[in-house]
Protein backbone atom coordinates (compact mmCIF):
# COMPACT_ATOMS: atom_id res chain seq x y z
CA MET A 1 15.23 21.17 10.14
CA PRO A 2 17.25 20.28 13.41
CA HIS A 3 16.10 22.16 16.45
CA GLU A 4 18.59 23.78 19.27
CA ARG A 5 18.62 22.06 21.41
CA GLY A 6 18.58 24.02 25.60
CA THR A 7 16.60 26.59 23.65
CA GLU A 8 12.70 25.70 23.83
CA SER A 9 10.88 26.18 27.13
CA PHE A 10 9.45 22.89 29.26
CA ASP A 11 5.67 24.33 28.07
CA ASP A 12 7.28 24.73 24.24
CA LEU A 13 8.69 21.11 24.48
CA LEU A 14 5.64 19.57 25.66
CA ASP A 15 3.42 22.04 22.96
CA VAL A 16 6.19 20.31 19.96
CA GLY A 17 5.77 16.50 20.72
CA ALA A 18 1.76 16.92 20.91
CA ARG A 19 1.55 18.61 18.07
CA ALA A 20 3.75 16.70 15.79
CA ASP A 21 2.71 13.83 13.74
CA VAL A 22 2.20 10.13 14.94
CA SER A 23 1.19 7.96 12.16
CA GLY A 24 3.24 5.82 10.37
CA TRP A 25 6.08 3.69 11.76
CA ASP A 26 8.60 6.46 10.64
CA PHE A 27 10.41 8.08 13.21
CA SER A 28 12.45 10.14 11.92
CA TRP A 29 10.86 13.66 13.22
CA LEU A 30 12.85 12.72 16.34
CA ASP A 31 16.43 13.07 14.66
CA GLY A 32 18.63 15.39 17.13
CA ARG A 33 15.34 14.64 20.16
CA ALA A 34 17.03 10.80 20.50
CA THR A 35 19.23 8.29 19.46
CA GLU A 36 18.27 4.24 19.14
CA GLU A 37 21.26 1.70 18.71
CA ARG A 38 20.10 -0.38 15.25
CA PRO A 39 19.90 -3.95 15.73
CA PRO A 40 23.13 -5.55 14.27
CA TRP A 41 21.23 -8.38 12.06
CA GLY A 42 19.98 -5.43 9.29
CA TYR A 43 16.17 -6.47 9.41
CA ALA A 44 15.02 -4.47 6.15
CA ARG A 45 18.12 -6.03 3.88
CA THR A 46 17.43 -9.46 4.93
CA MET A 47 13.22 -9.16 4.40
CA SER A 48 14.43 -7.14 1.11
CA ASP A 49 16.35 -10.66 0.34
CA ARG A 50 13.64 -13.26 1.20
CA LEU A 51 10.61 -10.77 -0.53
CA ALA A 52 13.01 -10.60 -3.82
CA GLY A 53 12.27 -14.72 -3.94
CA ALA A 54 9.33 -14.93 -2.20
CA GLY A 55 5.99 -16.48 -5.21
CA ALA A 56 3.19 -14.72 -2.48
CA SER A 57 4.23 -12.54 0.13
CA ILE A 58 2.13 -10.81 3.16
CA ASP A 59 3.43 -8.04 5.62
CA LEU A 60 1.82 -8.36 9.02
CA GLN A 61 0.58 -5.76 10.88
CA THR A 62 2.74 -3.10 8.30
CA GLY A 63 1.90 -0.03 10.28
CA GLY A 64 2.93 3.20 8.01
CA GLY A 65 4.44 0.47 5.77
CA GLU A 66 7.60 2.41 5.79
CA VAL A 67 10.07 -0.63 6.23
CA LEU A 68 8.43 -2.70 4.20
CA ALA A 69 8.66 0.11 0.84
CA GLU A 70 12.58 -0.96 1.70
CA ALA A 71 12.45 -3.81 -0.58
CA VAL A 72 14.19 -3.73 -3.86
CA ARG A 73 11.41 -6.58 -5.36
CA TYR A 74 8.23 -7.79 -4.65
CA PRO A 75 6.47 -11.37 -5.33
CA ALA A 76 3.98 -11.14 -8.08
CA THR A 77 1.15 -11.39 -4.85
CA ALA A 78 2.18 -8.92 -2.25
CA VAL A 79 -0.16 -7.81 0.61
CA ALA A 80 0.41 -5.76 4.20
CA THR A 81 -2.50 -5.72 6.25
CA GLU A 82 -2.69 -3.01 9.09
CA SER A 83 -5.54 -2.08 11.96
CA TRP A 84 -5.22 1.65 12.89
CA PRO A 85 -7.02 3.77 9.92
CA PRO A 86 -4.54 6.28 9.77
CA ASN A 87 -1.55 3.54 8.97
CA VAL A 88 -3.94 1.77 6.69
CA GLU A 89 -4.26 5.72 4.47
CA HIS A 90 -0.31 6.38 5.08
CA ALA A 91 0.75 2.28 3.48
CA THR A 92 -1.77 2.51 0.95
CA ARG A 93 -0.43 5.87 -0.27
CA LEU A 94 3.31 4.48 -0.02
CA LEU A 95 2.26 0.77 -0.93
CA HIS A 96 0.17 0.72 -3.86
CA PRO A 97 2.83 2.83 -6.43
CA ARG A 98 5.31 -0.30 -5.55
CA GLY A 99 2.44 -2.87 -6.33
CA VAL A 100 1.27 -4.48 -2.64
CA VAL A 101 -2.12 -4.79 -1.63
CA VAL A 102 -2.90 -3.41 1.74
CA VAL A 103 -5.58 -4.46 3.75
CA ALA A 104 -7.50 -2.72 6.71
CA ALA A 105 -7.70 -5.74 8.45
CA PRO A 106 -7.38 -6.14 12.97
CA ASP A 107 -4.53 -7.42 14.13
CA GLU A 108 -6.76 -10.42 15.58
CA PRO A 109 -7.80 -13.79 14.84
CA PRO A 110 -8.73 -15.39 12.39
CA PHE A 111 -6.72 -13.07 9.43
CA PRO A 112 -8.36 -12.90 6.42
CA PHE A 113 -6.77 -15.11 4.14
CA GLY A 114 -7.58 -18.54 3.37
CA ASP A 115 -4.96 -21.71 4.14
CA LYS A 116 -1.57 -22.17 2.95
CA ALA A 117 -1.91 -19.08 1.07
CA PHE A 118 1.91 -17.63 1.40
CA ASP A 119 5.49 -18.81 0.75
CA LEU A 120 6.91 -16.22 3.14
CA VAL A 121 4.79 -13.67 6.33
CA THR A 122 6.84 -10.86 7.46
CA SER A 123 6.38 -8.72 10.35
CA ARG A 124 8.51 -5.89 11.97
CA HIS A 125 7.54 -5.40 15.91
CA PRO A 126 4.13 -6.60 15.69
CA THR A 127 2.19 -6.16 18.86
CA SER A 128 1.13 -9.24 18.77
CA VAL A 129 1.95 -12.63 17.17
CA TRP A 130 -1.01 -15.26 16.53
CA TRP A 131 1.27 -18.10 16.03
CA ASP A 132 -1.45 -20.58 14.69
CA GLU A 133 -2.37 -17.95 12.11
CA ILE A 134 1.12 -18.10 10.92
CA ALA A 135 0.72 -21.40 10.25
CA ARG A 136 -1.57 -21.83 8.58
CA VAL A 137 -1.57 -19.16 6.18
CA LEU A 138 1.39 -20.96 4.92
CA VAL A 139 2.29 -22.99 2.64
CA PRO A 140 4.84 -26.61 3.94
CA GLY A 141 8.12 -24.83 4.03
CA GLY A 142 7.20 -21.55 4.18
CA THR A 143 8.88 -18.79 6.06
CA TYR A 144 7.73 -16.31 9.20
CA LEU A 145 10.60 -13.98 9.28
CA ALA A 146 10.21 -11.02 11.58
CA GLN A 147 11.79 -8.66 14.01
CA HIS A 148 10.03 -8.87 17.57
CA VAL A 149 10.57 -6.33 20.70
CA GLY A 150 11.59 -7.97 23.68
CA PRO A 151 11.11 -8.33 27.44
CA ALA A 152 11.63 -5.05 29.55
CA SER A 153 12.01 -2.96 25.82
CA ALA A 154 12.14 0.85 27.43
CA PHE A 155 11.07 -0.17 30.20
CA GLU A 156 13.43 2.84 32.22
CA LEU A 157 11.00 5.37 30.41
CA ILE A 158 8.12 3.45 31.14
CA GLU A 159 8.31 2.46 34.76
CA PHE A 160 9.53 6.17 35.22
CA PHE A 161 5.44 6.88 34.62
CA LEU A 162 3.85 3.90 35.92
CA GLY A 163 6.05 2.54 38.85
CA PRO A 164 7.82 -1.06 38.47
CA GLN A 165 5.77 -3.15 36.49
CA PRO A 166 7.38 -6.82 37.21
CA GLU A 167 4.77 -8.95 35.24
CA ALA A 168 4.65 -7.51 32.53
CA ARG A 169 9.17 -7.09 32.49
CA ARG A 170 8.28 -10.42 31.68
CA GLU A 171 6.05 -11.21 28.40
CA ARG A 172 7.67 -10.61 25.08
CA ASP A 173 10.62 -13.66 26.12
CA PRO A 174 12.22 -15.26 23.02
CA GLU A 175 12.24 -18.73 24.37
CA ASP A 176 8.52 -18.48 25.66
CA GLU A 177 7.78 -17.23 21.73
CA VAL A 178 10.06 -20.48 20.36
CA ARG A 179 8.17 -22.72 22.60
CA ALA A 180 4.74 -21.27 20.90
CA ALA A 181 5.69 -21.06 16.83
CA GLU A 182 6.79 -24.78 17.89
CA ALA A 183 3.39 -25.68 19.07
CA ALA A 184 1.35 -24.38 16.16
CA GLY A 185 3.78 -26.06 14.25
CA LEU A 186 6.87 -24.10 13.35
CA GLU A 187 9.91 -25.50 13.84
CA ILE A 188 12.46 -22.40 14.43
CA VAL A 189 15.19 -21.39 11.85
CA ASP A 190 16.67 -18.54 13.63
CA LEU A 191 16.59 -16.44 16.43
CA ARG A 192 19.04 -13.47 17.52
CA THR A 193 19.11 -11.18 20.30
CA ALA A 194 19.84 -7.71 21.37
CA ARG A 195 19.71 -4.90 23.93
CA LEU A 196 20.21 -1.59 22.48
CA ARG A 197 20.74 1.90 24.27
CA ILE A 198 17.57 4.49 23.88
CA GLU A 199 19.11 8.47 24.78
CA ILE A 200 16.69 10.71 24.85
CA HIS A 201 17.02 14.55 24.86
CA ASP A 202 14.26 16.65 25.83
CA VAL A 203 10.56 15.83 26.93
CA ALA A 204 9.37 16.50 23.27
CA ALA A 205 10.28 13.06 21.98
CA VAL A 206 9.25 11.51 25.19
CA VAL A 207 5.80 13.33 24.52
CA TYR A 208 6.13 12.00 20.92
CA LEU A 209 6.42 8.82 21.26
CA LEU A 210 3.81 8.07 24.02
CA ARG A 211 1.67 9.49 22.01
CA LYS A 212 2.70 7.13 19.16
CA LEU A 213 3.29 3.97 21.27
CA VAL A 214 0.43 4.02 22.97
CA TRP A 215 0.69 0.51 24.93
CA TRP A 216 3.94 1.67 26.74
CA VAL A 217 1.64 4.45 28.93
CA PRO A 218 -1.86 3.56 28.38
CA GLY A 219 -4.24 6.39 28.56
CA PHE A 220 -1.35 8.68 28.22
CA THR A 221 -1.85 12.41 28.15
CA VAL A 222 0.25 15.41 28.52
CA ASP A 223 -2.14 16.51 30.99
CA GLY A 224 -2.79 13.76 33.04
CA TYR A 225 1.24 13.35 33.50
CA ARG A 226 1.99 16.97 33.21
CA ASP A 227 4.12 16.42 36.57
CA ARG A 228 5.93 13.79 35.43
CA LEU A 229 7.43 14.90 32.59
CA ARG A 230 8.20 17.91 34.46
CA ALA A 231 10.24 15.61 36.69
CA LEU A 232 12.18 13.78 33.60
CA HIS A 233 12.47 17.64 31.67
CA ASP A 234 14.77 18.85 35.28
CA GLN A 235 16.70 15.22 35.03
CA ILE A 236 17.54 15.87 31.92
CA HIS A 237 18.18 19.37 31.62
CA ASP A 238 20.48 18.91 35.32
CA GLY A 239 22.01 14.92 34.44
CA GLY A 240 22.07 15.09 30.38
CA PRO A 241 19.89 12.32 28.46
CA PHE A 242 17.85 10.25 30.01
CA VAL A 243 19.00 6.76 28.90
CA ALA A 244 16.76 3.19 28.50
CA HIS A 245 17.37 0.43 26.40
CA SER A 246 15.00 -1.70 24.00
CA THR A 247 15.41 -5.35 23.45
CA ARG A 248 15.08 -6.69 20.10
CA HIS A 249 14.68 -11.16 18.72
CA LEU A 250 15.83 -11.74 15.30
CA ILE A 251 13.21 -14.93 14.62
CA GLU A 252 12.71 -17.15 11.32
CA ALA A 253 10.36 -20.39 11.44
CA ARG A 254 9.31 -22.48 8.84
CA ARG A 255 5.95 -24.25 8.75
CA ARG A 256 7.04 -28.04 8.52
């Protein structure tokens, strides 16, 4: 049930965020606590359309499988990979009944698949992108379709905890990714970008996000960052939602 905003103390909010289940990529726990605009292109719908016409597909870094599970139909050969054990378990329960095999595999190369194994590779918000491996497992003419996190995404929040991060702000630039993809033998078919508003309404949502997205504030613990959490709680209490911005890009590439 949605919580009643403003009725929970600072310590209550810390406890709620610390106890929340952070496995999988379902963010519905944040309902009533935080909002984020969605990109205009509808990645899940586009992915579903492509899967329906594919012969063999792989979804890289599938998380808990929630996005892949939105597809209407799957190819005869459908695979998903994931490295974090709780997510592997979650994705297996969700996707195996749909005919998708979930493979526990590290995010780093080499991928545990042969050359030219798939005509469609998909991924939503991969933490790392290995273009040479993506090209290797695609058949000639095969497609990579993904939604990536862009540069300086949610950095208003990240820098609230870590201070200025000028070098990190330049990472994940879509033009850099285009050059890397082309160097691996891929041709860019489509590239779209978006900057999206995030509103965070309480500090429980912050604790949840930093526990789930562990690369945002590496080594985050409630005790270790209690002072900054208190400052953020007071800021939200006095001034309203904390506003940040996410960046996303849709990228489609074809193996030459």
